[in-house]
């Protein structure tokens, strides 16, 4: 029987959540856990038995060329914050606060040691400047009312900032070679990683909102609950429920159709791993999929790829250090993503792969584009989306409206899987605007980066837990 994770509690729901700065980095333990076993860290790739091969699947007539979809899920950046000034993209170098003051965006690096509140309450504040639950329209004028954890050392207007371009060169290079979408919105209105990570596997979170008050999944018990929002009236706080769900996910649909999948997550700690979404899915957590298809550490992806394996559907989540998450103290996120893209691009799977790189929520950072209101649960503030594939259009900025469900819909269409929820049903698929399947695959050109896969294989384990006390 698994030991329940003792995840630190966030502030009382539904009040505004106070910011928490990441604890000190965990030191290297000299061991690594892979598929439930512990062994010494090798100086190069871990040598494991070859994983099971990708199974057959029903190919949709819509494409016929994509056999592998990889979702790289980064953390907590708005579009204006991460891609400020990108040519032909809709960015703005200034914003307004709740007092009507015009504020020029400053520069704050990825490696900042403090974070910004990005709970549902922070979204309400940023949306309309008052902190009250908004209706159907956002004015994007209240980011100054979000709590920031830098105290007396805060720069002026810390929420109104963008990442220096010197730190985002790999991301800009990917956009130059492939597709950058500037109308990508979170499907959920609150900016909780827990909720967003459910949306990227299931297109819903059972109306849950914010963070669990205990364990981040089914390893907890009935007292480990999370708040909800109600359908009618719109955007009212509802009762609490256990943070363990039994709805349909893309993995279950894939299993039923003989489509292979893997979810690669960073190593956990004594308080758990918050970016391992399937630990909150009963069907997965309590059955063989948890041991066979949820893989830790996330660097095992490089090993599997070298051993000639890539699942039909893959999710990869980062460590705190490599996540782009404010408060984690690292600026290696762009290099981490580049190392994953380069590993796929230089593998045998490049010609049949589509890679989606998405940031799970806006992280409290200013963005000037109001999110459309589609229902009680969405949409959330704009985030970046990069699409990399041998069939992706070159140096294309897509202005098509996307959300979490757009990625799910694309995957469903490639493998003949049914729709799951309102999100993947209503969403626009990027297939028409971002891809050109009328020509052969484009040759891969590596993304320049200061670090490659070897650097990340050598990194000490990072078991920190952002967004908890």
Protein backbone atom coordinates (compact mmCIF):
# COMPACT_ATOMS: atom_id res chain seq x y z
CA UNK A 1 0.00 0.00 0.00
CA UNK A 2 1.36 3.39 -0.93
CA UNK A 3 2.23 5.91 1.76
CA UNK A 4 0.01 9.00 1.43
CA UNK A 5 1.87 12.09 0.33
CA UNK A 6 2.05 14.76 2.99
CA UNK A 7 1.76 17.80 0.75
CA UNK A 8 1.86 21.13 2.60
CA UNK A 9 -1.45 22.96 2.72
CA UNK A 10 -2.15 26.14 0.84
CA UNK A 11 -4.04 29.00 2.39
CA UNK A 12 -7.73 28.61 3.12
CA UNK A 13 -9.94 28.30 0.06
CA UNK A 14 -11.35 30.42 -1.53
CA UNK A 15 -9.35 33.37 -0.22
CA UNK A 16 -6.41 34.66 -2.21
CA UNK A 17 -3.52 32.23 -1.88
CA UNK A 18 -0.35 33.68 -0.43
CA UNK A 19 2.80 33.15 -2.41
CA UNK A 20 5.29 30.53 -1.37
CA UNK A 21 8.92 30.64 -2.32
CA UNK A 22 10.46 27.31 -3.28
CA UNK A 23 12.51 25.67 -0.52
CA UNK A 24 16.18 25.08 -0.94
CA UNK A 25 17.18 22.67 -3.66
CA UNK A 26 17.49 19.05 -2.63
CA UNK A 27 21.02 17.72 -2.69
CA UNK A 28 22.04 14.85 -4.90
CA UNK A 29 21.20 11.51 -3.31
CA UNK A 30 23.33 9.35 -5.53
CA UNK A 31 20.30 7.27 -6.48
CA UNK A 32 17.59 7.50 -9.04
CA UNK A 33 14.14 5.89 -9.24
CA UNK A 34 13.05 4.41 -12.55
CA UNK A 35 9.78 2.51 -12.89
CA UNK A 36 9.62 1.94 -9.16
CA UNK A 37 13.19 0.73 -8.64
CA UNK A 38 16.17 2.48 -7.10
CA UNK A 39 19.71 2.23 -8.46
CA UNK A 40 22.94 4.17 -8.57
CA UNK A 41 23.13 7.09 -10.94
CA UNK A 42 25.16 6.20 -14.02
CA UNK A 43 27.52 8.72 -15.61
CA UNK A 44 25.69 8.35 -18.92
CA UNK A 45 22.39 6.92 -20.08
CA UNK A 46 20.76 4.46 -17.68
CA UNK A 47 20.75 0.99 -19.22
CA UNK A 48 17.33 -0.57 -18.85
CA UNK A 49 15.45 -3.35 -20.59
CA UNK A 50 13.83 -1.97 -23.74
CA UNK A 51 10.32 -0.71 -22.98
CA UNK A 52 7.30 -2.15 -24.68
CA UNK A 53 6.96 -1.02 -28.26
CA UNK A 54 4.36 1.43 -29.49
CA UNK A 55 1.20 -0.42 -30.35
CA UNK A 56 -0.94 -0.26 -33.47
CA UNK A 57 -3.47 2.49 -33.75
CA UNK A 58 -6.28 3.73 -35.97
CA UNK A 59 -4.88 6.47 -38.16
CA UNK A 60 -7.26 9.30 -38.97
CA UNK A 61 -7.62 10.36 -42.58
CA UNK A 62 -7.12 13.96 -41.45
CA UNK A 63 -3.36 13.57 -41.41
CA UNK A 64 -1.98 10.07 -41.93
CA UNK A 65 1.57 11.26 -41.25
CA UNK A 66 1.73 11.77 -37.48
CA UNK A 67 2.41 8.64 -35.43
CA UNK A 68 3.86 10.35 -32.35
CA UNK A 69 2.70 13.42 -30.43
CA UNK A 70 4.87 14.84 -27.65
CA UNK A 71 3.55 17.44 -25.17
CA UNK A 72 6.27 19.34 -23.31
CA UNK A 73 4.54 21.11 -20.42
CA UNK A 74 6.42 24.06 -18.95
CA UNK A 75 5.33 26.39 -16.15
CA UNK A 76 3.84 29.76 -15.36
CA UNK A 77 4.48 32.28 -18.12
CA UNK A 78 2.12 34.58 -19.98
CA UNK A 79 2.62 35.32 -23.66
CA UNK A 80 3.59 38.96 -23.10
CA UNK A 81 6.07 37.84 -20.44
CA UNK A 82 7.92 35.17 -22.44
CA UNK A 83 7.65 36.32 -26.08
CA UNK A 84 7.65 40.08 -25.67
CA UNK A 85 8.41 41.80 -28.98
CA UNK A 86 8.41 38.67 -31.13
CA UNK A 87 7.91 39.81 -34.76
CA UNK A 88 4.30 39.63 -36.02
CA UNK A 89 3.05 38.33 -32.65
CA UNK A 90 0.55 40.33 -30.61
CA UNK A 91 2.53 41.62 -27.65
CA UNK A 92 2.38 44.87 -25.70
CA UNK A 93 5.22 46.47 -23.76
CA UNK A 94 2.96 48.28 -21.31
CA UNK A 95 -0.15 47.70 -19.25
CA UNK A 96 -2.53 49.44 -16.87
CA UNK A 97 -3.09 48.93 -13.17
CA UNK A 98 -6.33 49.15 -11.21
CA UNK A 99 -5.76 52.88 -10.67
CA UNK A 100 -5.56 53.60 -14.40
CA UNK A 101 -1.78 54.12 -14.39
CA UNK A 102 0.12 53.14 -17.53
CA UNK A 103 3.06 50.87 -16.64
CA UNK A 104 5.96 50.05 -18.94
CA UNK A 105 6.99 46.41 -18.61
CA UNK A 106 10.36 45.89 -16.94
CA UNK A 107 12.77 42.98 -17.34
CA UNK A 108 12.86 40.17 -14.78
CA UNK A 109 14.85 37.00 -15.46
CA UNK A 110 13.63 33.43 -15.30
CA UNK A 111 15.92 32.81 -12.31
CA UNK A 112 14.04 35.06 -9.91
CA UNK A 113 13.81 33.66 -6.39
CA UNK A 114 10.27 34.86 -5.69
CA UNK A 115 6.87 34.08 -7.14
CA UNK A 116 3.55 35.80 -7.86
CA UNK A 117 0.19 34.57 -6.63
CA UNK A 118 -1.62 32.79 -9.46
CA UNK A 119 -4.63 31.31 -7.69
CA UNK A 120 -8.21 31.79 -8.82
CA UNK A 121 -8.36 34.90 -6.62
CA UNK A 122 -5.32 36.31 -8.39
CA UNK A 123 -7.03 35.71 -11.73
CA UNK A 124 -10.09 37.61 -10.55
CA UNK A 125 -7.88 40.50 -9.41
CA UNK A 126 -5.89 40.60 -12.65
CA UNK A 127 -9.04 40.28 -14.74
CA UNK A 128 -10.98 43.27 -13.51
CA UNK A 129 -8.92 45.05 -10.90
CA UNK A 130 -11.20 44.44 -7.94
CA UNK A 131 -10.65 40.88 -6.76
CA UNK A 132 -14.37 40.13 -7.07
CA UNK A 133 -15.48 37.23 -9.23
CA UNK A 134 -15.89 38.73 -12.71
CA UNK A 135 -18.64 38.14 -15.18
CA UNK A 136 -18.03 37.53 -18.85
CA UNK A 137 -15.45 40.22 -19.61
CA UNK A 138 -11.91 40.95 -18.37
CA UNK A 139 -10.28 44.38 -18.40
CA UNK A 140 -6.75 43.08 -17.63
CA UNK A 141 -6.08 45.98 -15.29
CA UNK A 142 -5.55 44.46 -11.86
CA UNK A 143 -2.26 42.59 -11.95
CA UNK A 144 -0.91 45.06 -9.39
CA UNK A 145 -3.35 43.54 -6.87
CA UNK A 146 -1.75 40.09 -7.07
CA UNK A 147 0.42 39.19 -4.08
CA UNK A 148 4.16 39.04 -4.80
CA UNK A 149 6.69 37.28 -2.58
CA UNK A 150 9.63 39.65 -2.92
CA UNK A 151 8.63 41.93 -0.04
CA UNK A 152 10.74 45.04 0.43
CA UNK A 153 13.16 43.89 -2.29
CA UNK A 154 10.50 44.00 -5.03
CA UNK A 155 11.35 45.93 -8.18
CA UNK A 156 8.72 48.45 -9.27
CA UNK A 157 5.52 46.78 -10.49
CA UNK A 158 6.98 43.26 -10.48
CA UNK A 159 3.89 41.67 -12.05
CA UNK A 160 4.37 43.87 -15.13
CA UNK A 161 7.53 42.37 -16.62
CA UNK A 162 8.98 40.24 -19.39
CA UNK A 163 11.90 37.82 -19.59
CA UNK A 164 15.09 39.29 -21.12
CA UNK A 165 15.54 38.05 -24.67
CA UNK A 166 19.04 36.82 -23.84
CA UNK A 167 17.42 34.08 -21.72
CA UNK A 168 14.81 32.96 -24.24
CA UNK A 169 16.97 32.51 -27.34
CA UNK A 170 16.09 28.79 -27.81
CA UNK A 171 12.38 29.58 -27.63
CA UNK A 172 12.71 32.36 -30.19
CA UNK A 173 14.77 30.02 -32.41
CA UNK A 174 12.02 27.40 -32.29
CA UNK A 175 9.46 30.03 -33.21
CA UNK A 176 11.65 31.18 -36.10
CA UNK A 177 11.86 27.66 -37.48
CA UNK A 178 8.33 26.48 -36.73
CA UNK A 179 5.04 27.83 -35.33
CA UNK A 180 4.32 30.23 -32.48
CA UNK A 181 0.65 30.63 -31.49
CA UNK A 182 -0.27 33.98 -29.92
CA UNK A 183 -3.93 33.15 -29.18
CA UNK A 184 -3.41 30.20 -26.87
CA UNK A 185 -5.47 30.41 -23.68
CA UNK A 186 -5.68 28.08 -20.72
CA UNK A 187 -8.95 26.13 -20.86
CA UNK A 188 -9.41 26.70 -17.10
CA UNK A 189 -9.74 30.24 -15.75
CA UNK A 190 -7.78 29.72 -12.53
CA UNK A 191 -4.02 29.44 -12.77
CA UNK A 192 -3.41 26.38 -10.63
CA UNK A 193 -0.86 23.89 -11.96
CA UNK A 194 -2.91 21.08 -10.44
CA UNK A 195 -5.96 22.05 -12.50
CA UNK A 196 -4.05 22.86 -15.68
CA UNK A 197 -2.27 19.52 -15.62
CA UNK A 198 -5.64 17.77 -15.41
CA UNK A 199 -6.83 19.70 -18.46
CA UNK A 200 -3.88 18.53 -20.56
CA UNK A 201 -4.75 14.87 -19.89
CA UNK A 202 -8.54 15.04 -19.64
CA UNK A 203 -9.90 18.41 -20.77
CA UNK A 204 -11.49 18.93 -17.35
CA UNK A 205 -10.87 18.78 -13.59
CA UNK A 206 -14.34 17.89 -12.24
CA UNK A 207 -15.05 21.60 -11.66
CA UNK A 208 -12.13 21.72 -9.19
CA UNK A 209 -10.28 24.99 -8.66
CA UNK A 210 -7.00 26.08 -7.03
CA UNK A 211 -4.95 23.56 -5.05
CA UNK A 212 -5.62 20.48 -2.88
CA UNK A 213 -5.33 21.07 0.86
CA UNK A 214 -3.30 17.90 1.23
CA UNK A 215 -2.10 15.22 -1.15
CA UNK A 216 -2.06 16.13 -4.84
CA UNK A 217 -3.85 12.98 -5.94
CA UNK A 218 -5.25 9.56 -5.08
CA UNK A 219 -2.40 8.77 -2.67
CA UNK A 220 -4.30 10.86 -0.13
CA UNK A 221 -7.61 10.22 1.56
CA UNK A 222 -11.09 11.75 1.87
CA UNK A 223 -9.70 14.65 3.90
CA UNK A 224 -7.33 15.68 1.12
CA UNK A 225 -9.80 17.87 -0.71
CA UNK A 226 -9.90 20.64 -3.27
CA UNK A 227 -12.49 23.37 -3.80
CA UNK A 228 -14.81 23.60 -6.78
CA UNK A 229 -16.69 26.15 -8.84
CA UNK A 230 -20.34 25.69 -9.70
CA UNK A 231 -21.92 25.69 -13.13
CA UNK A 232 -24.90 27.84 -12.22
CA UNK A 233 -24.63 30.68 -11.33
CA UNK A 234 -21.35 31.08 -13.22
CA UNK A 235 -18.09 31.18 -11.31
CA UNK A 236 -19.36 30.74 -7.79
CA UNK A 237 -17.32 28.73 -5.32
CA UNK A 238 -18.81 25.33 -4.57
CA UNK A 239 -18.23 22.46 -2.16
CA UNK A 240 -14.90 20.68 -1.65
CA UNK A 241 -14.22 17.28 -3.17
CA UNK A 242 -11.41 14.75 -2.86
CA UNK A 243 -8.50 15.46 -5.21
CA UNK A 244 -8.85 12.04 -6.84
CA UNK A 245 -10.96 11.67 -9.97
CA UNK A 246 -12.53 8.95 -12.06
CA UNK A 247 -13.35 10.74 -15.30
CA UNK A 248 -12.13 9.70 -18.75
CA UNK A 249 -8.62 10.72 -19.73
CA UNK A 250 -6.71 10.59 -22.98
CA UNK A 251 -4.66 7.71 -21.56
CA UNK A 252 -7.77 5.59 -21.04
CA UNK A 253 -8.96 6.32 -24.56
CA UNK A 254 -5.50 5.40 -25.84
CA UNK A 255 -5.48 2.13 -23.89
CA UNK A 256 -8.88 1.21 -25.31
CA UNK A 257 -7.68 1.89 -28.86
CA UNK A 258 -4.29 0.16 -28.57
CA UNK A 259 -2.45 3.49 -28.72
CA UNK A 260 0.66 3.63 -26.53
CA UNK A 261 1.37 6.48 -24.08
CA UNK A 262 3.94 7.56 -21.49
CA UNK A 263 3.90 10.36 -18.92
CA UNK A 264 7.42 11.41 -17.84
CA UNK A 265 7.60 13.30 -14.53
CA UNK A 266 10.40 14.45 -12.27
CA UNK A 267 11.30 12.48 -9.16
CA UNK A 268 9.06 13.00 -6.18
CA UNK A 269 9.94 13.69 -2.57
CA UNK A 270 8.51 12.94 0.83
CA UNK A 271 5.69 15.36 -0.03
CA UNK A 272 5.04 14.12 -3.54
CA UNK A 273 5.28 15.29 -7.14
CA UNK A 274 2.77 17.93 -8.15
CA UNK A 275 3.41 17.77 -11.90
CA UNK A 276 2.45 14.11 -12.34
CA UNK A 277 -1.17 14.50 -13.37
CA UNK A 278 -2.14 10.83 -13.48
CA UNK A 279 -1.59 10.39 -9.76
CA UNK A 280 -4.98 12.12 -9.41
CA UNK A 281 -6.74 9.61 -11.69
CA UNK A 282 -8.11 6.57 -9.84
CA UNK A 283 -8.12 4.29 -12.86
CA UNK A 284 -4.45 4.99 -13.57
CA UNK A 285 -3.04 5.29 -10.05
CA UNK A 286 -4.51 2.01 -8.80
CA UNK A 287 -3.75 -0.11 -11.85
CA UNK A 288 -0.83 -1.27 -13.98
CA UNK A 289 -0.66 1.94 -16.02
CA UNK A 290 0.79 3.70 -12.96
CA UNK A 291 3.81 1.37 -13.02
CA UNK A 292 4.10 0.84 -16.76
CA UNK A 293 3.36 4.24 -18.28
CA UNK A 294 4.02 6.91 -15.63
CA UNK A 295 7.80 7.20 -15.70
CA UNK A 296 10.24 8.87 -13.32
CA UNK A 297 12.72 10.53 -13.54
CA UNK A 298 11.77 12.61 -16.56
CA UNK A 299 15.25 12.18 -18.05
CA UNK A 300 14.32 8.55 -18.70
CA UNK A 301 12.80 9.99 -21.87
CA UNK A 302 16.32 10.38 -23.32
CA UNK A 303 17.13 6.77 -22.47
CA UNK A 304 13.95 5.42 -24.02
CA UNK A 305 14.53 7.47 -27.16
CA UNK A 306 18.09 6.19 -27.48
CA UNK A 307 16.82 2.65 -27.03
CA UNK A 308 14.50 3.14 -30.01
CA UNK A 309 11.22 3.79 -28.20
CA UNK A 310 8.77 6.68 -28.42
CA UNK A 311 5.15 6.21 -27.38
CA UNK A 312 2.36 7.34 -29.68
CA UNK A 313 1.38 9.96 -27.05
CA UNK A 314 3.93 11.42 -24.63
CA UNK A 315 3.75 14.03 -21.87
CA UNK A 316 6.93 15.44 -20.30
CA UNK A 317 6.94 17.69 -17.23
CA UNK A 318 10.06 19.42 -15.83
CA UNK A 319 11.84 19.72 -12.53
CA UNK A 320 11.38 22.95 -10.60
CA UNK A 321 14.81 24.17 -11.71
CA UNK A 322 14.12 23.60 -15.42
CA UNK A 323 10.45 24.61 -15.42
CA UNK A 324 10.52 28.42 -16.04
CA UNK A 325 8.49 28.67 -12.81
CA UNK A 326 9.25 31.88 -10.92
CA UNK A 327 10.73 31.18 -7.50
CA UNK A 328 12.65 28.09 -8.62
CA UNK A 329 15.88 30.04 -9.11
CA UNK A 330 16.79 28.59 -12.51
CA UNK A 331 17.01 29.81 -16.10
CA UNK A 332 17.70 26.45 -17.74
CA UNK A 333 14.11 25.91 -18.92
CA UNK A 334 14.81 26.98 -22.51
CA UNK A 335 17.84 24.67 -22.68
CA UNK A 336 15.81 21.80 -21.18
CA UNK A 337 13.13 22.19 -23.84
CA UNK A 338 15.75 22.53 -26.59
CA UNK A 339 17.44 19.32 -25.41
CA UNK A 340 14.15 17.43 -25.69
CA UNK A 341 13.36 18.85 -29.13
CA UNK A 342 16.89 18.14 -30.37
CA UNK A 343 16.77 14.58 -29.06
CA UNK A 344 13.54 13.94 -30.98
CA UNK A 345 14.72 15.82 -34.06
CA UNK A 346 17.92 13.78 -34.28
CA UNK A 347 16.13 10.47 -33.71
CA UNK A 348 14.47 8.02 -36.07
CA UNK A 349 11.06 9.43 -35.05
CA UNK A 350 11.39 12.98 -36.37
CA UNK A 351 9.52 12.37 -39.64
CA UNK A 352 6.40 11.13 -37.84
CA UNK A 353 6.25 13.45 -34.81
CA UNK A 354 4.44 16.61 -33.73
CA UNK A 355 5.74 18.43 -30.61
CA UNK A 356 3.59 20.86 -28.61
CA UNK A 357 5.38 23.08 -26.09
CA UNK A 358 2.94 24.79 -23.74
CA UNK A 359 3.14 26.76 -20.49
CA UNK A 360 0.49 25.54 -18.06
CA UNK A 361 -0.67 28.94 -16.75
CA UNK A 362 0.26 32.61 -16.75
CA UNK A 363 1.99 32.51 -13.37
CA UNK A 364 0.69 35.93 -12.33
CA UNK A 365 2.59 37.76 -15.10
CA UNK A 366 0.88 40.55 -17.03
CA UNK A 367 -0.75 39.89 -20.38
CA UNK A 368 -2.81 42.41 -22.30
CA UNK A 369 -5.20 40.12 -24.24
CA UNK A 370 -8.49 39.45 -22.39
CA UNK A 371 -9.38 35.76 -22.29
CA UNK A 372 -12.71 34.95 -23.94
CA UNK A 373 -15.52 33.78 -21.68
CA UNK A 374 -16.71 30.37 -22.91
CA UNK A 375 -18.30 28.88 -19.77
CA UNK A 376 -18.18 28.93 -15.98
CA UNK A 377 -14.69 27.37 -16.00
CA UNK A 378 -12.85 29.22 -18.75
CA UNK A 379 -10.99 30.57 -20.42
CA UNK A 380 -7.83 31.53 -18.59
CA UNK A 381 -5.14 34.09 -19.33
CA UNK A 382 -3.08 33.74 -22.52
CA UNK A 383 0.00 31.49 -22.51
CA UNK A 384 2.57 30.65 -25.20
CA UNK A 385 2.34 27.64 -27.50
CA UNK A 386 5.13 26.42 -29.78
CA UNK A 387 4.45 23.75 -32.40
CA UNK A 388 7.47 21.86 -33.75
CA UNK A 389 7.22 19.23 -36.48
CA UNK A 390 8.66 18.37 -39.88
CA UNK A 391 5.21 19.34 -41.17
CA UNK A 392 4.84 22.55 -39.15
CA UNK A 393 4.82 25.76 -41.17
CA UNK A 394 8.08 27.68 -41.10
CA UNK A 395 8.34 30.92 -39.11
CA UNK A 396 4.57 31.08 -38.81
CA UNK A 397 2.75 33.08 -36.16
CA UNK A 398 -0.71 31.60 -35.71
CA UNK A 399 -3.48 33.94 -34.59
CA UNK A 400 -6.05 31.14 -34.33
CA UNK A 401 -7.81 30.80 -30.97
CA UNK A 402 -6.42 27.73 -29.13
CA UNK A 403 -6.73 26.22 -25.66
CA UNK A 404 -5.73 23.00 -23.85
CA UNK A 405 -8.46 21.20 -25.76
CA UNK A 406 -6.85 22.12 -29.08
CA UNK A 407 -3.90 19.85 -28.36
CA UNK A 408 -6.21 17.09 -27.18
CA UNK A 409 -8.34 17.43 -30.33
CA UNK A 410 -5.27 17.21 -32.57
CA UNK A 411 -4.19 14.01 -30.83
CA UNK A 412 -7.68 12.53 -30.98
CA UNK A 413 -7.88 13.23 -34.70
CA UNK A 414 -4.53 11.60 -35.43
CA UNK A 415 -5.39 8.38 -33.59
CA UNK A 416 -9.12 8.16 -34.16
CA UNK A 417 -10.05 8.79 -30.51
CA UNK A 418 -13.41 10.24 -29.41
CA UNK A 419 -13.98 13.64 -27.81
CA UNK A 420 -14.01 13.75 -24.01
CA UNK A 421 -15.34 17.10 -22.79
CA UNK A 422 -16.48 20.58 -23.75
CA UNK A 423 -12.86 21.74 -24.08
CA UNK A 424 -11.73 19.35 -26.80
CA UNK A 425 -15.14 19.52 -28.49
CA UNK A 426 -15.26 23.31 -28.89
CA UNK A 427 -11.52 23.91 -29.42
CA UNK A 428 -9.89 24.66 -32.76
CA UNK A 429 -7.37 22.05 -33.81
CA UNK A 430 -4.01 23.45 -34.98
CA UNK A 431 -3.99 20.97 -37.86
CA UNK A 432 -5.26 23.40 -40.50
CA UNK A 433 -3.39 26.59 -39.62
CA UNK A 434 -0.12 25.28 -38.13
CA UNK A 435 0.68 22.30 -40.38
CA UNK A 436 1.19 21.59 -44.06
CA UNK A 437 0.73 17.89 -44.73
CA UNK A 438 0.78 18.33 -48.50
CA UNK A 439 4.58 18.14 -48.63
CA UNK A 440 7.20 15.77 -47.34
CA UNK A 441 8.87 16.08 -43.93
CA UNK A 442 11.29 18.94 -43.45
CA UNK A 443 14.87 18.11 -42.40
CA UNK A 444 15.55 18.83 -38.75
CA UNK A 445 17.91 21.70 -37.90
CA UNK A 446 19.15 21.52 -34.27
CA UNK A 447 18.11 24.28 -31.86
CA UNK A 448 21.28 26.03 -30.57
CA UNK A 449 21.60 25.74 -26.79
CA UNK A 450 24.31 26.01 -24.17
CA UNK A 451 23.32 22.63 -22.67
CA UNK A 452 22.28 19.30 -24.16
CA UNK A 453 20.79 16.07 -22.80
CA UNK A 454 24.06 15.13 -21.07
CA UNK A 455 23.84 18.18 -18.83
CA UNK A 456 20.32 17.28 -17.69
CA UNK A 457 21.21 13.62 -17.15
CA UNK A 458 23.93 14.80 -14.74
CA UNK A 459 21.73 17.24 -12.80
CA UNK A 460 21.16 16.32 -9.14
CA UNK A 461 17.59 15.36 -8.29
CA UNK A 462 15.38 18.41 -7.72
CA UNK A 463 12.49 17.45 -5.45
CA UNK A 464 11.20 20.91 -4.67
CA UNK A 465 7.48 21.61 -4.62
CA UNK A 466 6.41 25.02 -5.97
CA UNK A 467 3.02 26.40 -4.97
CA UNK A 468 2.95 24.75 -1.53
CA UNK A 469 3.83 25.96 1.94
